[in-house]
């Protein structure tokens, strides 16, 4: 993210990310192109990371005991952790939305 904002400041020194409305003196198409290119690059990196992590998880999962009782216990534990993480992420998202609303109307 820092690299992206630094590159944007190099191309458009007047960019202020704290402003509610963006003010550009240059060509906004250049900014849109740069953002799209950067987004595609990050998506490709994320895809590679997810594939690598999925492979590692599957290999680790295969080394665990494979009995029916163990599998059910493991699945129940994973579902519990997943619900907890989703609830944490939802609380964080709601907190950020509230902060954005407060900033917008102040």
PDB file of N, CA and C in Angstrom:
ATOM      1  N   UNK A   1       0.821  -1.181   0.000  1.00  0.00           N
ATOM      2  CA  UNK A   1       0.000   0.000   0.000  1.00  0.00           C
ATOM      3  C   UNK A   1       0.869   1.249   0.000  1.00  0.00           C
ATOM      4  N   UNK A   2       1.941   1.223   0.797  1.00  0.00           N
ATOM      5  CA  UNK A   2       2.842   2.375   0.836  1.00  0.00           C
ATOM      6  C   UNK A   2       3.477   2.626  -0.524  1.00  0.00           C
ATOM      7  N   UNK A   3       3.855   1.529  -1.197  1.00  0.00           N
ATOM      8  CA  UNK A   3       4.451   1.665  -2.533  1.00  0.00           C
ATOM      9  C   UNK A   3       3.448   2.314  -3.489  1.00  0.00           C
ATOM     10  N   UNK A   4       2.211   1.888  -3.429  1.00  0.00           N
ATOM     11  CA  UNK A   4       1.166   2.430  -4.302  1.00  0.00           C
ATOM     12  C   UNK A   4       0.957   3.918  -4.042  1.00  0.00           C
ATOM     13  N   UNK A   5       0.816   4.307  -2.784  1.00  0.00           N
ATOM     14  CA  UNK A   5       0.591   5.718  -2.472  1.00  0.00           C
ATOM     15  C   UNK A   5       1.806   6.564  -2.825  1.00  0.00           C
ATOM     16  N   UNK A   6       2.995   6.019  -2.643  1.00  0.00           N
ATOM     17  CA  UNK A   6       4.217   6.745  -3.015  1.00  0.00           C
ATOM     18  C   UNK A   6       4.274   6.974  -4.527  1.00  0.00           C
ATOM     19  N   UNK A   7       3.927   5.954  -5.298  1.00  0.00           N
ATOM     20  CA  UNK A   7       3.901   6.101  -6.752  1.00  0.00           C
ATOM     21  C   UNK A   7       2.850   7.127  -7.171  1.00  0.00           C
ATOM     22  N   UNK A   8       1.703   7.107  -6.519  1.00  0.00           N
ATOM     23  CA  UNK A   8       0.662   8.095  -6.826  1.00  0.00           C
ATOM     24  C   UNK A   8       1.132   9.512  -6.510  1.00  0.00           C
ATOM     25  N   UNK A   9       1.818   9.682  -5.383  1.00  0.00           N
ATOM     26  CA  UNK A   9       2.332  11.010  -5.029  1.00  0.00           C
ATOM     27  C   UNK A   9       3.406  11.473  -6.005  1.00  0.00           C
ATOM     28  N   UNK A  10       4.147  10.541  -6.586  1.00  0.00           N
ATOM     29  CA  UNK A  10       5.143  10.899  -7.584  1.00  0.00           C
ATOM     30  C   UNK A  10       4.464  11.419  -8.849  1.00  0.00           C
ATOM     31  N   UNK A  11       3.401  10.751  -9.258  1.00  0.00           N
ATOM     32  CA  UNK A  11       2.686  11.166 -10.467  1.00  0.00           C
ATOM     33  C   UNK A  11       1.793  12.377 -10.215  1.00  0.00           C
ATOM     34  N   UNK A  12       1.181  12.419  -9.049  1.00  0.00           N
ATOM     35  CA  UNK A  12       0.234  13.481  -8.700  1.00  0.00           C
ATOM     36  C   UNK A  12       0.569  14.014  -7.307  1.00  0.00           C
ATOM     37  N   UNK A  13       1.503  14.961  -7.208  1.00  0.00           N
ATOM     38  CA  UNK A  13       1.909  15.455  -5.885  1.00  0.00           C
ATOM     39  C   UNK A  13       0.777  16.108  -5.089  1.00  0.00           C
ATOM     40  N   UNK A  14      -0.274  16.540  -5.777  1.00  0.00           N
ATOM     41  CA  UNK A  14      -1.366  17.236  -5.086  1.00  0.00           C
ATOM     42  C   UNK A  14      -2.360  16.292  -4.415  1.00  0.00           C
ATOM     43  N   UNK A  15      -2.207  14.972  -4.598  1.00  0.00           N
ATOM     44  CA  UNK A  15      -3.153  14.020  -3.996  1.00  0.00           C
ATOM     45  C   UNK A  15      -3.076  14.095  -2.475  1.00  0.00           C
ATOM     46  N   UNK A  16      -4.237  14.258  -1.877  1.00  0.00           N
ATOM     47  CA  UNK A  16      -4.369  14.248  -0.423  1.00  0.00           C
ATOM     48  C   UNK A  16      -5.436  13.216  -0.081  1.00  0.00           C
ATOM     49  N   UNK A  17      -5.028  12.115   0.516  1.00  0.00           N
ATOM     50  CA  UNK A  17      -5.952  11.020   0.795  1.00  0.00           C
ATOM     51  C   UNK A  17      -6.915  11.339   1.930  1.00  0.00           C
ATOM     52  N   UNK A  18      -6.709  12.433   2.623  1.00  0.00           N
ATOM     53  CA  UNK A  18      -7.605  12.836   3.702  1.00  0.00           C
ATOM     54  C   UNK A  18      -8.801  13.625   3.183  1.00  0.00           C
ATOM     55  N   UNK A  19      -8.717  14.137   1.956  1.00  0.00           N
ATOM     56  CA  UNK A  19      -9.807  14.908   1.378  1.00  0.00           C
ATOM     57  C   UNK A  19     -10.998  14.007   1.070  1.00  0.00           C
ATOM     58  N   UNK A  20     -12.179  14.553   1.211  1.00  0.00           N
ATOM     59  CA  UNK A  20     -13.372  13.795   0.857  1.00  0.00           C
ATOM     60  C   UNK A  20     -13.564  13.745  -0.654  1.00  0.00           C
ATOM     61  N   UNK A  21     -13.138  14.807  -1.346  1.00  0.00           N
ATOM     62  CA  UNK A  21     -13.271  14.857  -2.802  1.00  0.00           C
ATOM     63  C   UNK A  21     -11.886  15.030  -3.410  1.00  0.00           C
ATOM     64  N   UNK A  22     -11.524  14.124  -4.294  1.00  0.00           N
ATOM     65  CA  UNK A  22     -10.203  14.131  -4.908  1.00  0.00           C
ATOM     66  C   UNK A  22     -10.053  15.309  -5.864  1.00  0.00           C
ATOM     67  N   UNK A  23      -8.953  16.027  -5.758  1.00  0.00           N
ATOM     68  CA  UNK A  23      -8.633  17.149  -6.644  1.00  0.00           C
ATOM     69  C   UNK A  23      -7.375  16.812  -7.419  1.00  0.00           C
ATOM     70  N   UNK A  24      -7.497  16.673  -8.745  1.00  0.00           N
ATOM     71  CA  UNK A  24      -6.350  16.346  -9.596  1.00  0.00           C
ATOM     72  C   UNK A  24      -6.151  17.436 -10.631  1.00  0.00           C
ATOM     73  N   UNK A  25      -4.883  17.798 -10.842  1.00  0.00           N
ATOM     74  CA  UNK A  25      -4.594  18.739 -11.917  1.00  0.00           C
ATOM     75  C   UNK A  25      -4.128  17.984 -13.160  1.00  0.00           C
ATOM     76  N   UNK A  26      -3.736  16.725 -12.999  1.00  0.00           N
ATOM     77  CA  UNK A  26      -3.267  15.913 -14.121  1.00  0.00           C
ATOM     78  C   UNK A  26      -4.387  15.092 -14.735  1.00  0.00           C
ATOM     79  N   UNK A  27      -3.979  14.108 -15.507  1.00  0.00           N
ATOM     80  CA  UNK A  27      -4.914  13.245 -16.220  1.00  0.00           C
ATOM     81  C   UNK A  27      -5.434  12.144 -15.288  1.00  0.00           C
ATOM     82  N   UNK A  28      -6.723  12.112 -14.975  1.00  0.00           N
ATOM     83  CA  UNK A  28      -7.245  11.072 -14.076  1.00  0.00           C
ATOM     84  C   UNK A  28      -7.178   9.680 -14.707  1.00  0.00           C
ATOM     85  N   UNK A  29      -7.138   9.600 -16.039  1.00  0.00           N
ATOM     86  CA  UNK A  29      -7.019   8.294 -16.692  1.00  0.00           C
ATOM     87  C   UNK A  29      -5.712   7.607 -16.314  1.00  0.00           C
ATOM     88  N   UNK A  30      -4.653   8.384 -16.137  1.00  0.00           N
ATOM     89  CA  UNK A  30      -3.374   7.816 -15.726  1.00  0.00           C
ATOM     90  C   UNK A  30      -3.488   7.201 -14.340  1.00  0.00           C
ATOM     91  N   UNK A  31      -4.166   7.894 -13.447  1.00  0.00           N
ATOM     92  CA  UNK A  31      -4.368   7.358 -12.097  1.00  0.00           C
ATOM     93  C   UNK A  31      -5.214   6.089 -12.143  1.00  0.00           C
ATOM     94  N   UNK A  32      -6.271   6.088 -12.945  1.00  0.00           N
ATOM     95  CA  UNK A  32      -7.118   4.899 -13.072  1.00  0.00           C
ATOM     96  C   UNK A  32      -6.349   3.730 -13.674  1.00  0.00           C
ATOM     97  N   UNK A  33      -5.532   4.001 -14.687  1.00  0.00           N
ATOM     98  CA  UNK A  33      -4.718   2.945 -15.297  1.00  0.00           C
ATOM     99  C   UNK A  33      -3.749   2.368 -14.277  1.00  0.00           C
ATOM    100  N   UNK A  34      -3.072   3.253 -13.542  1.00  0.00           N
ATOM    101  CA  UNK A  34      -2.112   2.808 -12.537  1.00  0.00           C
ATOM    102  C   UNK A  34      -2.797   1.972 -11.465  1.00  0.00           C
ATOM    103  N   UNK A  35      -3.963   2.408 -11.025  1.00  0.00           N
ATOM    104  CA  UNK A  35      -4.701   1.679  -9.998  1.00  0.00           C
ATOM    105  C   UNK A  35      -5.142   0.312 -10.513  1.00  0.00           C
ATOM    106  N   UNK A  36      -5.635   0.258 -11.739  1.00  0.00           N
ATOM    107  CA  UNK A  36      -6.042  -1.028 -12.318  1.00  0.00           C
ATOM    108  C   UNK A  36      -4.878  -1.987 -12.465  1.00  0.00           C
ATOM    109  N   UNK A  37      -3.743  -1.475 -12.942  1.00  0.00           N
ATOM    110  CA  UNK A  37      -2.544  -2.309 -13.102  1.00  0.00           C
ATOM    111  C   UNK A  37      -2.083  -2.829 -11.747  1.00  0.00           C
ATOM    112  N   UNK A  38      -2.063  -1.962 -10.765  1.00  0.00           N
ATOM    113  CA  UNK A  38      -1.632  -2.345  -9.433  1.00  0.00           C
ATOM    114  C   UNK A  38      -2.588  -3.379  -8.829  1.00  0.00           C
ATOM    115  N   UNK A  39      -3.877  -3.187  -9.053  1.00  0.00           N
ATOM    116  CA  UNK A  39      -4.882  -4.117  -8.550  1.00  0.00           C
ATOM    117  C   UNK A  39      -4.710  -5.503  -9.177  1.00  0.00           C
ATOM    118  N   UNK A  40      -4.496  -5.549 -10.474  1.00  0.00           N
ATOM    119  CA  UNK A  40      -4.279  -6.848 -11.147  1.00  0.00           C
ATOM    120  C   UNK A  40      -3.035  -7.551 -10.614  1.00  0.00           C
ATOM    121  N   UNK A  41      -1.978  -6.775 -10.371  1.00  0.00           N
ATOM    122  CA  UNK A  41      -0.739  -7.345  -9.840  1.00  0.00           C
ATOM    123  C   UNK A  41      -0.985  -7.941  -8.451  1.00  0.00           C
ATOM    124  N   UNK A  42      -1.699  -7.216  -7.604  1.00  0.00           N
ATOM    125  CA  UNK A  42      -1.984  -7.720  -6.259  1.00  0.00           C
ATOM    126  C   UNK A  42      -2.879  -8.956  -6.287  1.00  0.00           C
ATOM    127  N   UNK A  43      -3.849  -8.976  -7.197  1.00  0.00           N
ATOM    128  CA  UNK A  43      -4.717 -10.150  -7.318  1.00  0.00           C
ATOM    129  C   UNK A  43      -3.924 -11.375  -7.734  1.00  0.00           C
ATOM    130  N   UNK A  44      -2.972 -11.210  -8.653  1.00  0.00           N
ATOM    131  CA  UNK A  44      -2.135 -12.334  -9.081  1.00  0.00           C
ATOM    132  C   UNK A  44      -1.273 -12.834  -7.925  1.00  0.00           C
ATOM    133  N   UNK A  45      -0.695 -11.903  -7.158  1.00  0.00           N
ATOM    134  CA  UNK A  45       0.111 -12.291  -6.006  1.00  0.00           C
ATOM    135  C   UNK A  45      -0.735 -13.002  -4.956  1.00  0.00           C
ATOM    136  N   UNK A  46      -1.944 -12.506  -4.737  1.00  0.00           N
ATOM    137  CA  UNK A  46      -2.844 -13.133  -3.772  1.00  0.00           C
ATOM    138  C   UNK A  46      -3.229 -14.534  -4.215  1.00  0.00           C
ATOM    139  N   UNK A  47      -3.510 -14.698  -5.502  1.00  0.00           N
ATOM    140  CA  UNK A  47      -3.873 -16.016  -6.029  1.00  0.00           C
ATOM    141  C   UNK A  47      -2.741 -17.009  -5.802  1.00  0.00           C
ATOM    142  N   UNK A  48      -1.496 -16.607  -6.079  1.00  0.00           N
ATOM    143  CA  UNK A  48      -0.348 -17.488  -5.857  1.00  0.00           C
ATOM    144  C   UNK A  48      -0.192 -17.837  -4.387  1.00  0.00           C
ATOM    145  N   UNK A  49      -0.373 -16.844  -3.524  1.00  0.00           N
ATOM    146  CA  UNK A  49      -0.238 -17.086  -2.085  1.00  0.00           C
ATOM    147  C   UNK A  49      -1.317 -18.033  -1.584  1.00  0.00           C
ATOM    148  N   UNK A  50      -2.545 -17.861  -2.059  1.00  0.00           N
ATOM    149  CA  UNK A  50      -3.651 -18.725  -1.638  1.00  0.00           C
ATOM    150  C   UNK A  50      -3.413 -20.159  -2.104  1.00  0.00           C
ATOM    151  N   UNK A  51      -2.959 -20.320  -3.341  1.00  0.00           N
ATOM    152  CA  UNK A  51      -2.682 -21.664  -3.852  1.00  0.00           C
ATOM    153  C   UNK A  51      -1.585 -22.338  -3.040  1.00  0.00           C
ATOM    154  N   UNK A  52      -0.526 -21.602  -2.736  1.00  0.00           N
ATOM    155  CA  UNK A  52       0.570 -22.163  -1.945  1.00  0.00           C
ATOM    156  C   UNK A  52       0.117 -22.533  -0.548  1.00  0.00           C
ATOM    157  N   UNK A  53      -0.671 -21.678   0.074  1.00  0.00           N
ATOM    158  CA  UNK A  53      -1.145 -21.952   1.426  1.00  0.00           C
ATOM    159  C   UNK A  53      -2.128 -23.125   1.421  1.00  0.00           C
ATOM    160  N   UNK A  54      -2.969 -23.214   0.399  1.00  0.00           N
ATOM    161  CA  UNK A  54      -3.909 -24.331   0.294  1.00  0.00           C
ATOM    162  C   UNK A  54      -3.159 -25.651   0.182  1.00  0.00           C
ATOM    163  N   UNK A  55      -2.107 -25.676  -0.607  1.00  0.00           N
ATOM    164  CA  UNK A  55      -1.290 -26.891  -0.730  1.00  0.00           C
ATOM    165  C   UNK A  55      -0.671 -27.273   0.614  1.00  0.00           C
ATOM    166  N   UNK A  56      -0.156 -26.288   1.326  1.00  0.00           N
ATOM    167  CA  UNK A  56       0.462 -26.570   2.622  1.00  0.00           C
ATOM    168  C   UNK A  56      -0.572 -27.103   3.611  1.00  0.00           C
ATOM    169  N   UNK A  57      -1.750 -26.502   3.619  1.00  0.00           N
ATOM    170  CA  UNK A  57      -2.802 -26.947   4.538  1.00  0.00           C
ATOM    171  C   UNK A  57      -3.245 -28.361   4.198  1.00  0.00           C
ATOM    172  N   UNK A  58      -3.424 -28.653   2.912  1.00  0.00           N
ATOM    173  CA  UNK A  58      -3.845 -29.995   2.511  1.00  0.00           C
ATOM    174  C   UNK A  58      -2.805 -31.036   2.884  1.00  0.00           C
ATOM    175  N   UNK A  59      -1.522 -30.726   2.727  1.00  0.00           N
ATOM    176  CA  UNK A  59      -0.471 -31.679   3.121  1.00  0.00           C
ATOM    177  C   UNK A  59      -0.488 -31.906   4.626  1.00  0.00           C
ATOM    178  N   UNK A  60      -0.656 -30.822   5.398  1.00  0.00           N
ATOM    179  CA  UNK A  60      -0.705 -30.956   6.856  1.00  0.00           C
ATOM    180  C   UNK A  60      -1.942 -31.732   7.284  1.00  0.00           C
ATOM    181  N   UNK A  61      -3.055 -31.474   6.634  1.00  0.00           N
ATOM    182  CA  UNK A  61      -4.307 -32.155   6.957  1.00  0.00           C
ATOM    183  C   UNK A  61      -4.191 -33.654   6.696  1.00  0.00           C
ATOM    184  N   UNK A  62      -3.471 -34.025   5.647  1.00  0.00           N
ATOM    185  CA  UNK A  62      -3.309 -35.443   5.302  1.00  0.00           C
ATOM    186  C   UNK A  62      -2.485 -36.196   6.341  1.00  0.00           C
ATOM    187  N   UNK A  63      -1.660 -35.501   7.107  1.00  0.00           N
ATOM    188  CA  UNK A  63      -0.834 -36.173   8.111  1.00  0.00           C
ATOM    189  C   UNK A  63      -1.578 -36.406   9.422  1.00  0.00           C
ATOM    190  N   UNK A  64      -2.772 -35.813   9.565  1.00  0.00           N
ATOM    191  CA  UNK A  64      -3.553 -35.977  10.796  1.00  0.00           C
ATOM    192  C   UNK A  64      -4.257 -37.333  10.811  1.00  0.00           C
ATOM    193  N   UNK A  65      -4.613 -37.816  12.008  1.00  0.00           N
ATOM    194  CA  UNK A  65      -5.359 -39.077  12.087  1.00  0.00           C
ATOM    195  C   UNK A  65      -6.648 -38.982  11.258  1.00  0.00           C
ATOM    196  N   UNK A  66      -6.962 -40.053  10.536  1.00  0.00           N
ATOM    197  CA  UNK A  66      -8.061 -40.012   9.586  1.00  0.00           C
ATOM    198  C   UNK A  66      -9.297 -40.787  10.024  1.00  0.00           C
ATOM    199  N   UNK A  67      -9.403 -41.151  11.296  1.00  0.00           N
ATOM    200  CA  UNK A  67     -10.583 -41.866  11.777  1.00  0.00           C
ATOM    201  C   UNK A  67     -11.816 -40.977  11.753  1.00  0.00           C
ATOM    202  N   UNK A  68     -12.990 -41.621  11.741  1.00  0.00           N
ATOM    203  CA  UNK A  68     -14.261 -40.890  11.661  1.00  0.00           C
ATOM    204  C   UNK A  68     -14.452 -39.985  12.886  1.00  0.00           C
ATOM    205  N   UNK A  69     -14.138 -40.491  14.065  1.00  0.00           N
ATOM    206  CA  UNK A  69     -14.308 -39.705  15.289  1.00  0.00           C
ATOM    207  C   UNK A  69     -13.375 -38.490  15.278  1.00  0.00           C
ATOM    208  N   UNK A  70     -12.126 -38.695  14.910  1.00  0.00           N
ATOM    209  CA  UNK A  70     -11.153 -37.604  14.856  1.00  0.00           C
ATOM    210  C   UNK A  70     -11.553 -36.557  13.820  1.00  0.00           C
ATOM    211  N   UNK A  71     -12.053 -37.028  12.684  1.00  0.00           N
ATOM    212  CA  UNK A  71     -12.462 -36.113  11.622  1.00  0.00           C
ATOM    213  C   UNK A  71     -13.618 -35.228  12.084  1.00  0.00           C
ATOM    214  N   UNK A  72     -14.609 -35.833  12.766  1.00  0.00           N
ATOM    215  CA  UNK A  72     -15.753 -35.060  13.247  1.00  0.00           C
ATOM    216  C   UNK A  72     -15.329 -34.033  14.293  1.00  0.00           C
ATOM    217  N   UNK A  73     -14.440 -34.424  15.200  1.00  0.00           N
ATOM    218  CA  UNK A  73     -13.947 -33.490  16.214  1.00  0.00           C
ATOM    219  C   UNK A  73     -13.181 -32.332  15.560  1.00  0.00           C
ATOM    220  N   UNK A  74     -12.347 -32.677  14.592  1.00  0.00           N
ATOM    221  CA  UNK A  74     -11.554 -31.665  13.893  1.00  0.00           C
ATOM    222  C   UNK A  74     -12.462 -30.698  13.131  1.00  0.00           C
ATOM    223  N   UNK A  75     -13.456 -31.237  12.445  1.00  0.00           N
ATOM    224  CA  UNK A  75     -14.382 -30.390  11.690  1.00  0.00           C
ATOM    225  C   UNK A  75     -15.162 -29.460  12.613  1.00  0.00           C
ATOM    226  N   UNK A  76     -15.589 -29.974  13.762  1.00  0.00           N
ATOM    227  CA  UNK A  76     -16.332 -29.143  14.729  1.00  0.00           C
ATOM    228  C   UNK A  76     -15.445 -28.026  15.260  1.00  0.00           C
ATOM    229  N   UNK A  77     -14.190 -28.348  15.561  1.00  0.00           N
ATOM    230  CA  UNK A  77     -13.263 -27.338  16.057  1.00  0.00           C
ATOM    231  C   UNK A  77     -12.998 -26.279  14.982  1.00  0.00           C
ATOM    232  N   UNK A  78     -12.794 -26.713  13.742  1.00  0.00           N
ATOM    233  CA  UNK A  78     -12.543 -25.771  12.651  1.00  0.00           C
ATOM    234  C   UNK A  78     -13.740 -24.854  12.416  1.00  0.00           C
ATOM    235  N   UNK A  79     -14.944 -25.400  12.480  1.00  0.00           N
ATOM    236  CA  UNK A  79     -16.146 -24.576  12.298  1.00  0.00           C
ATOM    237  C   UNK A  79     -16.279 -23.551  13.426  1.00  0.00           C
ATOM    238  N   UNK A  80     -15.932 -23.953  14.641  1.00  0.00           N
ATOM    239  CA  UNK A  80     -15.989 -23.037  15.778  1.00  0.00           C
ATOM    240  C   UNK A  80     -15.002 -21.885  15.600  1.00  0.00           C
ATOM    241  N   UNK A  81     -13.785 -22.202  15.214  1.00  0.00           N
ATOM    242  CA  UNK A  81     -12.760 -21.175  14.994  1.00  0.00           C
ATOM    243  C   UNK A  81     -13.172 -20.269  13.836  1.00  0.00           C
ATOM    244  N   UNK A  82     -13.721 -20.854  12.787  1.00  0.00           N
ATOM    245  CA  UNK A  82     -14.164 -20.075  11.632  1.00  0.00           C
ATOM    246  C   UNK A  82     -15.265 -19.091  12.024  1.00  0.00           C
ATOM    247  N   UNK A  83     -16.248 -19.537  12.795  1.00  0.00           N
ATOM    248  CA  UNK A  83     -17.312 -18.641  13.258  1.00  0.00           C
ATOM    249  C   UNK A  83     -16.738 -17.494  14.094  1.00  0.00           C
ATOM    250  N   UNK A  84     -15.787 -17.820  14.965  1.00  0.00           N
ATOM    251  CA  UNK A  84     -15.170 -16.807  15.817  1.00  0.00           C
ATOM    252  C   UNK A  84     -14.419 -15.774  14.969  1.00  0.00           C
ATOM    253  N   UNK A  85     -13.636 -16.217  14.006  1.00  0.00           N
ATOM    254  CA  UNK A  85     -12.875 -15.293  13.149  1.00  0.00           C
ATOM    255  C   UNK A  85     -13.813 -14.429  12.309  1.00  0.00           C
ATOM    256  N   UNK A  86     -14.869 -15.010  11.799  1.00  0.00           N
ATOM    257  CA  UNK A  86     -15.832 -14.225  11.014  1.00  0.00           C
ATOM    258  C   UNK A  86     -16.502 -13.169  11.873  1.00  0.00           C
ATOM    259  N   UNK A  87     -16.821 -13.516  13.108  1.00  0.00           N
ATOM    260  CA  UNK A  87     -17.441 -12.539  14.016  1.00  0.00           C
ATOM    261  C   UNK A  87     -16.461 -11.408  14.313  1.00  0.00           C
ATOM    262  N   UNK A  88     -15.186 -11.730  14.516  1.00  0.00           N
ATOM    263  CA  UNK A  88     -14.173 -10.696  14.760  1.00  0.00           C
ATOM    264  C   UNK A  88     -14.047  -9.779  13.547  1.00  0.00           C
ATOM    265  N   UNK A  89     -14.002 -10.363  12.358  1.00  0.00           N
ATOM    266  CA  UNK A  89     -13.882  -9.568  11.138  1.00  0.00           C
ATOM    267  C   UNK A  89     -15.115  -8.693  10.940  1.00  0.00           C
ATOM    268  N   UNK A  90     -16.287  -9.213  11.254  1.00  0.00           N
ATOM    269  CA  UNK A  90     -17.518  -8.440  11.108  1.00  0.00           C
ATOM    270  C   UNK A  90     -17.520  -7.255  12.077  1.00  0.00           C
ATOM    271  N   UNK A  91     -17.079  -7.488  13.320  1.00  0.00           N
ATOM    272  CA  UNK A  91     -17.004  -6.386  14.285  1.00  0.00           C
ATOM    273  C   UNK A  91     -16.026  -5.315  13.812  1.00  0.00           C
ATOM    274  N   UNK A  92     -14.882  -5.727  13.290  1.00  0.00           N
ATOM    275  CA  UNK A  92     -13.889  -4.773  12.793  1.00  0.00           C
ATOM    276  C   UNK A  92     -14.444  -3.991  11.605  1.00  0.00           C
ATOM    277  N   UNK A  93     -15.144  -4.670  10.706  1.00  0.00           N
ATOM    278  CA  UNK A  93     -15.735  -4.010   9.545  1.00  0.00           C
ATOM    279  C   UNK A  93     -16.772  -2.983   9.996  1.00  0.00           C
ATOM    280  N   UNK A  94     -17.648  -3.367  10.921  1.00  0.00           N
ATOM    281  CA  UNK A  94     -18.670  -2.444  11.412  1.00  0.00           C
ATOM    282  C   UNK A  94     -18.035  -1.229  12.089  1.00  0.00           C
ATOM    283  N   UNK A  95     -16.950  -1.450  12.818  1.00  0.00           N
ATOM    284  CA  UNK A  95     -16.242  -0.356  13.468  1.00  0.00           C
ATOM    285  C   UNK A  95     -15.684   0.615  12.424  1.00  0.00           C
ATOM    286  N   UNK A  96     -15.095   0.085  11.365  1.00  0.00           N
ATOM    287  CA  UNK A  96     -14.538   0.940  10.310  1.00  0.00           C
ATOM    288  C   UNK A  96     -15.632   1.688   9.562  1.00  0.00           C
ATOM    289  N   UNK A  97     -16.746   1.035   9.310  1.00  0.00           N
ATOM    290  CA  UNK A  97     -17.867   1.705   8.639  1.00  0.00           C
ATOM    291  C   UNK A  97     -18.352   2.865   9.497  1.00  0.00           C
ATOM    292  N   UNK A  98     -18.491   2.642  10.779  1.00  0.00           N
ATOM    293  CA  UNK A  98     -18.934   3.696  11.682  1.00  0.00           C
ATOM    294  C   UNK A  98     -17.951   4.861  11.679  1.00  0.00           C
ATOM    295  N   UNK A  99     -16.653   4.567  11.691  1.00  0.00           N
ATOM    296  CA  UNK A  99     -15.642   5.623  11.646  1.00  0.00           C
ATOM    297  C   UNK A  99     -15.749   6.426  10.353  1.00  0.00           C
ATOM    298  N   UNK A 100     -15.963   5.749   9.232  1.00  0.00           N
ATOM    299  CA  UNK A 100     -16.110   6.446   7.950  1.00  0.00           C
ATOM    300  C   UNK A 100     -17.353   7.328   7.935  1.00  0.00           C
ATOM    301  N   UNK A 101     -18.433   6.846   8.503  1.00  0.00           N
ATOM    302  CA  UNK A 101     -19.662   7.631   8.566  1.00  0.00           C
ATOM    303  C   UNK A 101     -19.443   8.876   9.416  1.00  0.00           C
ATOM    304  N   UNK A 102     -18.781   8.697  10.544  1.00  0.00           N
ATOM    305  CA  UNK A 102     -18.512   9.833  11.423  1.00  0.00           C
ATOM    306  C   UNK A 102     -17.621  10.855  10.722  1.00  0.00           C
ATOM    307  N   UNK A 103     -16.578  10.389  10.030  1.00  0.00           N
ATOM    308  CA  UNK A 103     -15.690  11.297   9.304  1.00  0.00           C
ATOM    309  C   UNK A 103     -16.422  12.019   8.178  1.00  0.00           C
ATOM    310  N   UNK A 104     -17.323  11.329   7.523  1.00  0.00           N
ATOM    311  CA  UNK A 104     -18.038  11.922   6.393  1.00  0.00           C
ATOM    312  C   UNK A 104     -18.958  13.046   6.839  1.00  0.00           C
ATOM    313  N   UNK A 105     -19.604  12.888   7.968  1.00  0.00           N
ATOM    314  CA  UNK A 105     -20.599  13.872   8.392  1.00  0.00           C
ATOM    315  C   UNK A 105     -20.058  14.905   9.380  1.00  0.00           C
ATOM    316  N   UNK A 106     -18.797  14.844   9.696  1.00  0.00           N
ATOM    317  CA  UNK A 106     -18.193  15.867  10.594  1.00  0.00           C
ATOM    318  C   UNK A 106     -17.474  16.909   9.791  1.00  0.00           C
TER     319      UNK A 106
END
